[in-house]
C-alpha atoms as a PDB file:
ATOM      1  CA  MET A   1     -24.486-124.691  52.910  1.00  0.00           C
ATOM      2  CA  PRO A   2     -21.103-123.523  51.231  1.00  0.00           C
ATOM      3  CA  VAL A   3     -20.691-119.726  51.088  1.00  0.00           C
ATOM      4  CA  LEU A   4     -19.385-117.945  47.908  1.00  0.00           C
ATOM      5  CA  TYR A   5     -17.842-114.540  48.410  1.00  0.00           C
ATOM      6  CA  LYS A   6     -18.363-112.854  44.978  1.00  0.00           C
ATOM      7  CA  SER A   7     -19.002-109.739  42.968  1.00  0.00           C
ATOM      8  CA  ASP A   8     -21.295-110.037  40.043  1.00  0.00           C
ATOM      9  CA  ALA A   9     -19.008-107.791  38.130  1.00  0.00           C
ATOM     10  CA  SER A  10     -15.974-110.176  38.665  1.00  0.00           C
ATOM     11  CA  PRO A  11     -15.340-112.297  35.696  1.00  0.00           C
ATOM     12  CA  PRO A  12     -13.936-115.262  37.859  1.00  0.00           C
ATOM     13  CA  ALA A  13     -16.997-115.140  40.198  1.00  0.00           C
ATOM     14  CA  ARG A  14     -19.283-115.381  37.189  1.00  0.00           C
ATOM     15  CA  THR A  15     -17.303-118.517  36.075  1.00  0.00           C
ATOM     16  CA  VAL A  16     -18.037-120.030  39.495  1.00  0.00           C
ATOM     17  CA  LEU A  17     -21.677-118.906  39.534  1.00  0.00           C
ATOM     18  CA  MET A  18     -22.338-120.500  36.061  1.00  0.00           C
ATOM     19  CA  VAL A  19     -20.542-123.717  36.883  1.00  0.00           C
ATOM     20  CA  SER A  20     -22.267-124.097  40.369  1.00  0.00           C
ATOM     21  CA  GLU A  21     -25.676-123.453  38.583  1.00  0.00           C
ATOM     22  CA  LEU A  22     -25.024-126.143  35.962  1.00  0.00           C
ATOM     23  CA  LEU A  23     -24.133-128.595  38.645  1.00  0.00           C
ATOM     24  CA  GLY A  24     -27.144-127.767  40.811  1.00  0.00           C
ATOM     25  CA  VAL A  25     -25.033-126.616  43.739  1.00  0.00           C
ATOM     26  CA  GLU A  26     -26.851-124.406  46.268  1.00  0.00           C
ATOM     27  CA  LEU A  27     -24.424-121.559  47.501  1.00  0.00           C
ATOM     28  CA  GLU A  28     -25.108-118.754  50.078  1.00  0.00           C
ATOM     29  CA  LEU A  29     -23.872-115.753  48.105  1.00  0.00           C
ATOM     30  CA  ARG A  30     -22.270-112.941  49.864  1.00  0.00           C
ATOM     31  CA  GLU A  31     -21.441-109.797  47.998  1.00  0.00           C
ATOM     32  CA  LEU A  32     -17.962-108.416  48.178  1.00  0.00           C
ATOM     33  CA  ASN A  33     -16.903-104.985  46.710  1.00  0.00           C
ATOM     34  CA  PRO A  34     -13.181-105.247  45.400  1.00  0.00           C
ATOM     35  CA  VAL A  35     -13.265-101.726  44.467  1.00  0.00           C
ATOM     36  CA  LEU A  36     -13.748-100.738  48.129  1.00  0.00           C
ATOM     37  CA  ARG A  37     -11.035-103.349  49.025  1.00  0.00           C
ATOM     38  CA  GLU A  38     -13.261-105.154  51.220  1.00  0.00           C
ATOM     39  CA  GLN A  39     -11.159-108.271  50.635  1.00  0.00           C
ATOM     40  CA  ASP A  40      -8.423-106.526  52.747  1.00  0.00           C
ATOM     41  CA  ALA A  41     -10.508-107.204  55.933  1.00  0.00           C
ATOM     42  CA  PRO A  42      -8.531-109.527  58.197  1.00  0.00           C
ATOM     43  CA  PRO A  43     -11.272-112.184  58.241  1.00  0.00           C
ATOM     44  CA  TYR A  44     -11.388-112.360  54.470  1.00  0.00           C
ATOM     45  CA  ARG A  45      -7.528-112.398  54.355  1.00  0.00           C
ATOM     46  CA  GLN A  46      -7.490-115.485  56.601  1.00  0.00           C
ATOM     47  CA  LYS A  47      -9.534-117.311  54.031  1.00  0.00           C
ATOM     48  CA  ASN A  48      -7.694-116.022  51.129  1.00  0.00           C
ATOM     49  CA  PRO A  49      -4.178-114.416  51.485  1.00  0.00           C
ATOM     50  CA  MET A  50      -4.327-113.441  47.862  1.00  0.00           C
ATOM     51  CA  ARG A  51      -7.172-111.072  48.493  1.00  0.00           C
ATOM     52  CA  THR A  52      -9.078-111.913  45.316  1.00  0.00           C
ATOM     53  CA  VAL A  53     -12.611-112.742  44.348  1.00  0.00           C
ATOM     54  CA  PRO A  54     -14.304-115.191  44.574  1.00  0.00           C
ATOM     55  CA  VAL A  55     -13.614-117.422  47.637  1.00  0.00           C
ATOM     56  CA  LEU A  56     -15.628-120.594  48.455  1.00  0.00           C
ATOM     57  CA  ASP A  57     -16.003-121.138  52.321  1.00  0.00           C
ATOM     58  CA  GLU A  58     -17.176-124.413  53.711  1.00  0.00           C
ATOM     59  CA  GLY A  59     -16.374-123.386  57.291  1.00  0.00           C
ATOM     60  CA  ASP A  60     -13.444-125.636  57.894  1.00  0.00           C
ATOM     61  CA  PHE A  61     -12.185-125.338  54.296  1.00  0.00           C
ATOM     62  CA  SER A  62     -11.953-122.377  52.099  1.00  0.00           C
ATOM     63  CA  LEU A  63     -10.749-122.098  48.544  1.00  0.00           C
ATOM     64  CA  ALA A  64      -9.675-119.200  46.128  1.00  0.00           C
ATOM     65  CA  ASP A  65      -9.185-118.936  42.447  1.00  0.00           C
ATOM     66  CA  SER A  66     -12.156-119.531  40.190  1.00  0.00           C
ATOM     67  CA  HIS A  67     -10.288-122.302  38.281  1.00  0.00           C
ATOM     68  CA  ALA A  68      -9.476-124.290  41.353  1.00  0.00           C
ATOM     69  CA  ILE A  69     -13.025-123.802  42.758  1.00  0.00           C
ATOM     70  CA  VAL A  70     -14.807-125.027  39.687  1.00  0.00           C
ATOM     71  CA  LEU A  71     -12.488-128.173  39.488  1.00  0.00           C
ATOM     72  CA  TYR A  72     -13.303-128.789  43.245  1.00  0.00           C
ATOM     73  CA  LEU A  73     -17.121-128.218  42.641  1.00  0.00           C
ATOM     74  CA  ILE A  74     -17.045-130.749  39.769  1.00  0.00           C
ATOM     75  CA  ALA A  75     -15.054-133.350  41.793  1.00  0.00           C
ATOM     76  CA  LYS A  76     -17.506-132.987  44.805  1.00  0.00           C
ATOM     77  CA  TYR A  77     -20.866-132.486  43.165  1.00  0.00           C
ATOM     78  CA  GLY A  78     -20.536-133.683  39.527  1.00  0.00           C
ATOM     79  CA  LYS A  79     -22.895-136.441  38.330  1.00  0.00           C
ATOM     80  CA  PRO A  80     -22.713-138.459  35.038  1.00  0.00           C
ATOM     81  CA  GLU A  81     -24.958-135.735  33.468  1.00  0.00           C
ATOM     82  CA  HIS A  82     -22.337-133.250  34.055  1.00  0.00           C
ATOM     83  CA  MET A  83     -19.477-135.149  32.471  1.00  0.00           C
ATOM     84  CA  TYR A  84     -19.593-132.916  29.475  1.00  0.00           C
ATOM     85  CA  LEU A  85     -18.080-130.104  31.571  1.00  0.00           C
ATOM     86  CA  TYR A  86     -14.957-132.078  32.473  1.00  0.00           C
ATOM     87  CA  PRO A  87     -14.919-135.275  30.443  1.00  0.00           C
ATOM     88  CA  ASP A  88     -12.923-138.376  31.670  1.00  0.00           C
ATOM     89  CA  ASP A  89     -10.740-138.413  28.554  1.00  0.00           C
ATOM     90  CA  ILE A  90      -7.212-137.592  29.668  1.00  0.00           C
ATOM     91  CA  ARG A  91      -6.296-135.678  26.556  1.00  0.00           C
ATOM     92  CA  ILE A  92      -9.350-133.579  26.750  1.00  0.00           C
ATOM     93  CA  ARG A  93      -8.723-132.921  30.510  1.00  0.00           C
ATOM     94  CA  ALA A  94      -4.995-131.888  29.510  1.00  0.00           C
ATOM     95  CA  ARG A  95      -6.413-129.466  26.939  1.00  0.00           C
ATOM     96  CA  ILE A  96      -9.057-128.028  29.559  1.00  0.00           C
ATOM     97  CA  HIS A  97      -6.177-127.400  32.005  1.00  0.00           C
ATOM     98  CA  LEU A  98      -4.134-125.750  29.126  1.00  0.00           C
ATOM     99  CA  ILE A  99      -6.981-123.357  28.549  1.00  0.00           C
ATOM    100  CA  LEU A 100      -7.574-122.724  32.187  1.00  0.00           C
ATOM    101  CA  PHE A 101      -3.892-121.862  32.767  1.00  0.00           C
ATOM    102  CA  PHE A 102      -4.033-119.630  29.494  1.00  0.00           C
ATOM    103  CA  ASP A 103      -6.929-117.864  31.199  1.00  0.00           C
ATOM    104  CA  CYS A 104      -5.276-117.184  34.444  1.00  0.00           C
ATOM    105  CA  GLY A 105      -1.756-116.811  33.083  1.00  0.00           C
ATOM    106  CA  VAL A 106      -2.266-114.839  29.864  1.00  0.00           C
ATOM    107  CA  LEU A 107      -5.673-113.695  29.237  1.00  0.00           C
ATOM    108  CA  PHE A 108      -7.087-112.346  32.701  1.00  0.00           C
ATOM    109  CA  PRO A 109      -3.656-110.463  33.274  1.00  0.00           C
ATOM    110  CA  ARG A 110      -4.355-108.492  30.043  1.00  0.00           C
ATOM    111  CA  LEU A 111      -7.754-107.500  31.625  1.00  0.00           C
ATOM    112  CA  ARG A 112      -6.057-106.741  34.985  1.00  0.00           C
ATOM    113  CA  THR A 113      -3.604-104.335  33.348  1.00  0.00           C
ATOM    114  CA  VAL A 114      -6.755-102.358  32.493  1.00  0.00           C
ATOM    115  CA  MET A 115      -8.710-102.732  35.588  1.00  0.00           C
ATOM    116  CA  ALA A 116      -5.766-101.994  38.031  1.00  0.00           C
ATOM    117  CA  PRO A 117      -4.907 -98.497  36.885  1.00  0.00           C
ATOM    118  CA  THR A 118      -8.689 -97.586  36.051  1.00  0.00           C
ATOM    119  CA  TYR A 119      -9.603 -98.589  39.691  1.00  0.00           C
ATOM    120  CA  GLY A 120      -6.499 -96.789  40.778  1.00  0.00           C
ATOM    121  CA  GLY A 121      -7.635 -93.414  39.304  1.00  0.00           C
ATOM    122  CA  LYS A 122      -5.027 -93.253  36.617  1.00  0.00           C
ATOM    123  CA  LEU A 123      -6.475 -94.668  33.315  1.00  0.00           C
ATOM    124  CA  GLY A 124      -8.648 -92.606  30.962  1.00  0.00           C
ATOM    125  CA  GLU A 125      -8.306 -94.746  27.929  1.00  0.00           C
ATOM    126  CA  LEU A 126      -6.786 -98.004  26.726  1.00  0.00           C
ATOM    127  CA  SER A 127      -3.179 -97.606  25.535  1.00  0.00           C
ATOM    128  CA  LYS A 128      -1.829 -98.750  22.260  1.00  0.00           C
ATOM    129  CA  ARG A 129       0.175-101.411  24.210  1.00  0.00           C
ATOM    130  CA  MET A 130      -2.973-102.510  26.029  1.00  0.00           C
ATOM    131  CA  ILE A 131      -4.894-102.896  22.669  1.00  0.00           C
ATOM    132  CA  HIS A 132      -1.938-104.679  21.074  1.00  0.00           C
ATOM    133  CA  ASN A 133      -1.787-107.205  24.036  1.00  0.00           C
ATOM    134  CA  ILE A 134      -5.637-107.828  23.995  1.00  0.00           C
ATOM    135  CA  ASP A 135      -5.499-108.442  20.213  1.00  0.00           C
ATOM    136  CA  ASP A 136      -2.604-110.803  20.727  1.00  0.00           C
ATOM    137  CA  ALA A 137      -4.616-112.747  23.204  1.00  0.00           C
ATOM    138  CA  TYR A 138      -7.627-112.901  20.759  1.00  0.00           C
ATOM    139  CA  GLN A 139      -5.168-114.153  18.108  1.00  0.00           C
ATOM    140  CA  MET A 140      -4.064-117.000  20.486  1.00  0.00           C
ATOM    141  CA  LEU A 141      -7.719-117.984  21.008  1.00  0.00           C
ATOM    142  CA  GLU A 142      -8.524-117.856  17.357  1.00  0.00           C
ATOM    143  CA  GLU A 143      -5.725-120.503  16.720  1.00  0.00           C
ATOM    144  CA  TYR A 144      -6.964-122.544  19.654  1.00  0.00           C
ATOM    145  CA  LEU A 145     -10.276-122.802  18.012  1.00  0.00           C
ATOM    146  CA  ASN A 146      -8.689-124.266  14.911  1.00  0.00           C
ATOM    147  CA  ASP A 147      -9.111-127.626  16.721  1.00  0.00           C
ATOM    148  CA  GLY A 148     -12.960-127.495  17.165  1.00  0.00           C
ATOM    149  CA  SER A 149     -15.956-125.354  17.945  1.00  0.00           C
ATOM    150  CA  TYR A 150     -15.029-125.095  21.569  1.00  0.00           C
ATOM    151  CA  LEU A 151     -11.803-124.442  23.161  1.00  0.00           C
ATOM    152  CA  ALA A 152     -11.332-128.046  24.251  1.00  0.00           C
ATOM    153  CA  GLY A 153     -12.854-129.723  21.273  1.00  0.00           C
ATOM    154  CA  ASP A 154     -16.434-130.153  20.050  1.00  0.00           C
ATOM    155  CA  ALA A 155     -18.327-129.661  23.336  1.00  0.00           C
ATOM    156  CA  MET A 156     -18.586-126.804  25.762  1.00  0.00           C
ATOM    157  CA  THR A 157     -16.492-127.441  28.930  1.00  0.00           C
ATOM    158  CA  ILE A 158     -15.399-125.433  31.989  1.00  0.00           C
ATOM    159  CA  ALA A 159     -12.612-124.051  29.832  1.00  0.00           C
ATOM    160  CA  ASP A 160     -15.056-122.220  27.634  1.00  0.00           C
ATOM    161  CA  LEU A 161     -17.095-120.807  30.556  1.00  0.00           C
ATOM    162  CA  SER A 162     -13.814-119.565  32.184  1.00  0.00           C
ATOM    163  CA  VAL A 163     -12.636-117.938  29.082  1.00  0.00           C
ATOM    164  CA  LEU A 164     -16.064-116.386  28.335  1.00  0.00           C
ATOM    165  CA  THR A 165     -16.164-114.328  31.448  1.00  0.00           C
ATOM    166  CA  THR A 166     -12.799-112.814  30.906  1.00  0.00           C
ATOM    167  CA  ILE A 167     -13.442-112.286  27.076  1.00  0.00           C
ATOM    168  CA  SER A 168     -16.903-110.591  27.774  1.00  0.00           C
ATOM    169  CA  SER A 169     -15.216-107.990  29.756  1.00  0.00           C
ATOM    170  CA  LEU A 170     -12.354-107.428  27.229  1.00  0.00           C
ATOM    171  CA  HIS A 171     -14.828-107.501  24.378  1.00  0.00           C
ATOM    172  CA  GLY A 172     -16.816-104.747  26.095  1.00  0.00           C
ATOM    173  CA  LEU A 173     -13.633-102.600  26.215  1.00  0.00           C
ATOM    174  CA  HIS A 174     -11.970-103.563  22.883  1.00  0.00           C
ATOM    175  CA  PRO A 175     -14.409-105.506  20.675  1.00  0.00           C
ATOM    176  CA  VAL A 176     -13.231-108.621  18.917  1.00  0.00           C
ATOM    177  CA  ASP A 177     -12.713-107.772  15.281  1.00  0.00           C
ATOM    178  CA  GLU A 178     -14.894-110.332  13.362  1.00  0.00           C
ATOM    179  CA  LYS A 179     -12.769-110.113  10.181  1.00  0.00           C
ATOM    180  CA  ARG A 180      -9.413-110.696  12.014  1.00  0.00           C
ATOM    181  CA  PHE A 181     -10.951-113.217  14.479  1.00  0.00           C
ATOM    182  CA  PRO A 182     -13.877-115.076  12.719  1.00  0.00           C
ATOM    183  CA  LYS A 183     -13.652-118.250  14.771  1.00  0.00           C
ATOM    184  CA  LEU A 184     -13.444-116.322  18.077  1.00  0.00           C
ATOM    185  CA  THR A 185     -16.392-114.317  16.892  1.00  0.00           C
ATOM    186  CA  ARG A 186     -18.478-117.327  16.206  1.00  0.00           C
ATOM    187  CA  TRP A 187     -17.422-118.947  19.521  1.00  0.00           C
ATOM    188  CA  LEU A 188     -18.378-115.799  21.500  1.00  0.00           C
ATOM    189  CA  GLU A 189     -21.857-115.582  19.719  1.00  0.00           C
ATOM    190  CA  ASN A 190     -22.414-119.220  20.347  1.00  0.00           C
ATOM    191  CA  MET A 191     -21.516-118.951  24.097  1.00  0.00           C
ATOM    192  CA  ASN A 192     -23.569-115.880  24.524  1.00  0.00           C
ATOM    193  CA  GLN A 193     -26.889-117.657  23.253  1.00  0.00           C
ATOM    194  CA  LYS A 194     -26.595-120.362  26.022  1.00  0.00           C
ATOM    195  CA  GLU A 195     -29.194-119.719  28.689  1.00  0.00           C
ATOM    196  CA  VAL A 196     -26.761-119.808  31.759  1.00  0.00           C
ATOM    197  CA  CYS A 197     -24.612-117.292  30.037  1.00  0.00           C
ATOM    198  CA  GLN A 198     -27.408-114.869  29.274  1.00  0.00           C
ATOM    199  CA  ARG A 199     -28.713-115.090  32.766  1.00  0.00           C
ATOM    200  CA  ILE A 200     -25.428-114.947  34.792  1.00  0.00           C
ATOM    201  CA  ASN A 201     -22.540-113.716  32.620  1.00  0.00           C
ATOM    202  CA  ALA A 202     -24.243-111.046  30.587  1.00  0.00           C
ATOM    203  CA  PRO A 203     -25.558-108.702  33.257  1.00  0.00           C
ATOM    204  CA  GLY A 204     -22.371-109.135  35.287  1.00  0.00           C
ATOM    205  CA  SER A 205     -20.328-108.327  32.228  1.00  0.00           C
ATOM    206  CA  GLN A 206     -22.343-105.373  31.449  1.00  0.00           C
ATOM    207  CA  LEU A 207     -21.992-104.120  34.923  1.00  0.00           C
ATOM    208  CA  HIS A 208     -18.249-104.652  34.874  1.00  0.00           C
ATOM    209  CA  VAL A 209     -17.804-102.878  31.491  1.00  0.00           C
ATOM    210  CA  GLU A 210     -20.058-100.011  32.204  1.00  0.00           C
ATOM    211  CA  GLY A 211     -18.292 -99.462  35.480  1.00  0.00           C
ATOM    212  CA  LEU A 212     -14.813 -99.414  33.997  1.00  0.00           C
ATOM    213  CA  LYS A 213     -15.986 -97.145  31.134  1.00  0.00           C
ATOM    214  CA  ALA A 214     -17.593 -94.697  33.499  1.00  0.00           C
ATOM    215  CA  LEU A 215     -14.420 -94.504  35.748  1.00  0.00           C
ATOM    216  CA  MET A 216     -12.299 -93.950  32.514  1.00  0.00           C
ATOM    217  CA  ALA A 217     -14.592 -91.091  31.496  1.00  0.00           C
ATOM    218  CA  HIS A 218     -14.325 -89.568  34.888  1.00  0.00           C
ATOM    219  CA  HIS A 219     -10.439 -89.851  34.905  1.00  0.00           C
ATOM    220  CA  ARG A 220     -10.394 -88.142  31.556  1.00  0.00           C
ATOM    221  CA  GLU A 221     -12.491 -85.138  32.852  1.00  0.00           C
ATOM    222  CA  ASN A 222     -10.225 -84.831  35.743  1.00  0.00           C
ATOM    223  CA  GLN A 223      -7.233 -84.795  33.444  1.00  0.00           C
ATOM    224  CA  LYS A 224      -8.846 -82.167  31.266  1.00  0.00           C
ATOM    225  CA  SER A 225      -9.509 -79.976  34.351  1.00  0.00           C
ATOM    226  CA  LYS A 226      -5.905 -79.881  35.366  1.00  0.00           C
ATOM    227  CA  LEU A 227      -4.778 -78.611  32.183  1.00  0.00           C
END
């Protein structure tokens, strides 16, 4: 059975968990705590030199990065009934790839700029620059949604699941303004109503956001005590 090294609070891990659930793929789940830097252990680094979460391990083959993992799982385990997640249409696939690259190249880095200093003990609250960059990413998604109800058209795909996990954490830290971003607001509400999202993404997102907010509050108190 494939092993998935994951953390429920990790947005990318939640993406893999949801896709594997929809595909009916059984995984042995092993918890890994990135805050404690458990990913720096030599055995894990051999599987994933990037030292990120999640990692899929099949014994003689391991794969990191949630985007690569979900594409691999679909190629290996996908059946005709799963075609909606990654349709054959070459243009829809191109659009899915675009959104996946947007998630890993633009959207998630905006979240990482908050996570890194928070876990590093330096951030007490979001800076104006962080808020501006998050809103800028929201605006891009708002415009991507001009072409349909979902990010790659009129049906949910792996692109939506991947972006949802990142947005859920960002939204918990800096809520999407429904007046500025009405399409994104509707998309988020729609995705949050899906059973797999409620069961897997929602609790992990809450865990992630609450943890970050608690650390920020702790850092603010420490900064006050030093004054």
